[in-house]
Amino acid sequence: MSSFLGHGTNNTAEYYAAIAGLRRAIEHGQDEIELRMDSQLMIKQLTGEFQIKKAELKPLRNELLTLLGQYKKWSVTHIRRQQNSFHNPRSKPSLYVSLEWDHGTT
């Protein structure tokens, strides 16, 4: 699944992707989740280690934390960009969200 969200930064696209993924996992009844992200900045913003300077990212972080609060257990893992199964070069000029769902996992 992918959708056009407009123009913005890679960080904005990554927040939207994480939010969409969390919503989808909740719909499938997941109560534990691991977010794998290639943005160390976003991970440090999410964990509170770094402050968010761009005002437009603050509500996205808050929404992400609210969704994570619905899980019994959650974690965030940094992966190298080269290890990311989907690195969309289009994400710089436009925001796309791509979600893959392993239907065999419960």
Protein backbone atom coordinates (compact mmCIF):
# COMPACT_ATOMS: atom_id res chain seq x y z
CA MET A 1 0.00 0.00 0.00
CA SER A 2 1.35 3.44 -0.78
CA SER A 3 -0.19 6.86 -0.87
CA PHE A 4 0.84 10.35 -1.85
CA LEU A 5 0.83 12.73 1.12
CA GLY A 6 2.19 15.91 -0.43
CA HIS A 7 5.60 17.57 -0.33
CA GLY A 8 7.82 17.56 2.74
CA THR A 9 10.93 16.20 4.38
CA ASN A 10 12.12 12.63 4.80
CA ASN A 11 11.44 12.95 8.53
CA THR A 12 7.83 13.92 7.86
CA ALA A 13 7.44 10.92 5.55
CA GLU A 14 8.96 8.61 8.16
CA TYR A 15 6.58 9.87 10.87
CA TYR A 16 3.58 9.35 8.57
CA ALA A 17 4.78 5.86 7.66
CA ALA A 18 5.23 4.91 11.33
CA ILE A 19 1.78 6.26 12.23
CA ALA A 20 0.14 4.39 9.34
CA GLY A 21 1.97 1.19 10.25
CA LEU A 22 0.95 1.42 13.90
CA ARG A 23 -2.68 2.00 12.96
CA ARG A 24 -2.64 -1.00 10.67
CA ALA A 25 -1.06 -3.22 13.33
CA ILE A 26 -3.72 -2.11 15.84
CA GLU A 27 -6.43 -3.00 13.30
CA HIS A 28 -4.89 -6.48 13.10
CA GLY A 29 -5.00 -6.89 16.88
CA GLN A 30 -1.28 -6.60 17.56
CA ASP A 31 -0.41 -5.74 21.17
CA GLU A 32 3.40 -5.71 20.76
CA ILE A 33 5.39 -3.94 18.07
CA GLU A 34 8.91 -3.14 16.99
CA LEU A 35 9.49 -0.07 14.82
CA ARG A 36 12.53 -0.37 12.56
CA MET A 37 13.67 3.00 11.29
CA ASP A 38 16.65 4.27 9.37
CA SER A 39 16.39 7.77 10.88
CA GLN A 40 18.45 8.07 14.06
CA LEU A 41 17.18 11.63 14.41
CA MET A 42 13.57 10.47 14.49
CA ILE A 43 14.35 7.70 16.98
CA LYS A 44 16.07 10.18 19.29
CA GLN A 45 13.15 12.60 18.91
CA LEU A 46 10.71 9.80 19.69
CA THR A 47 12.57 8.71 22.82
CA GLY A 48 12.99 12.31 23.99
CA GLU A 49 16.78 12.29 23.66
CA PHE A 50 16.56 15.09 21.05
CA GLN A 51 14.10 17.95 20.99
CA ILE A 52 12.01 18.56 17.90
CA LYS A 53 12.84 21.91 16.33
CA LYS A 54 10.35 21.87 13.46
CA ALA A 55 6.86 22.70 14.72
CA GLU A 56 5.15 20.54 12.08
CA LEU A 57 6.81 17.39 13.48
CA LYS A 58 5.61 17.87 17.09
CA PRO A 59 1.99 16.80 16.49
CA LEU A 60 3.22 13.81 14.47
CA ARG A 61 5.48 12.73 17.34
CA ASN A 62 2.60 13.16 19.80
CA GLU A 63 0.29 11.08 17.62
CA LEU A 64 2.95 8.40 17.30
CA LEU A 65 3.43 8.28 21.09
CA THR A 66 -0.34 8.09 21.61
CA LEU A 67 -0.54 5.11 19.25
CA LEU A 68 2.44 3.43 20.91
CA GLY A 69 0.65 3.85 24.24
CA GLN A 70 -1.98 1.41 22.98
CA TYR A 71 0.58 -1.40 22.85
CA LYS A 72 1.45 -3.66 25.76
CA LYS A 73 5.09 -3.61 24.60
CA TRP A 74 6.93 -1.60 21.97
CA SER A 75 10.49 -0.91 20.88
CA VAL A 76 12.33 1.16 18.31
CA THR A 77 15.35 -0.22 16.45
CA HIS A 78 17.73 1.69 14.20
CA ILE A 79 18.62 0.04 10.91
CA ARG A 80 21.05 1.29 8.30
CA ARG A 81 19.42 2.82 5.25
CA GLN A 82 21.01 0.12 3.09
CA GLN A 83 19.25 -2.55 5.21
CA ASN A 84 15.88 -0.88 4.83
CA SER A 85 13.76 -3.07 2.55
CA PHE A 86 12.06 0.00 1.11
CA HIS A 87 14.07 3.14 0.56
CA ASN A 88 12.07 5.32 -1.78
CA PRO A 89 14.16 7.89 -3.65
CA ARG A 90 10.91 9.75 -4.39
CA SER A 91 10.51 10.59 -0.69
CA LYS A 92 12.59 13.76 -1.01
CA PRO A 93 10.39 15.69 -3.46
CA SER A 94 7.13 14.09 -2.35
CA LEU A 95 5.90 12.04 0.58
CA TYR A 96 4.94 8.45 -0.08
CA VAL A 97 4.03 5.87 2.52
CA SER A 98 4.63 2.24 1.71
CA LEU A 99 3.47 -0.48 4.08
CA GLU A 100 4.20 -4.15 3.88
CA TRP A 101 2.24 -6.51 6.09
CA ASP A 102 3.26 -10.07 6.79
CA HIS A 103 -0.13 -11.76 7.04
CA GLY A 104 1.47 -14.90 8.48
CA THR A 105 2.57 -13.06 11.64
CA THR A 106 0.18 -12.71 14.55
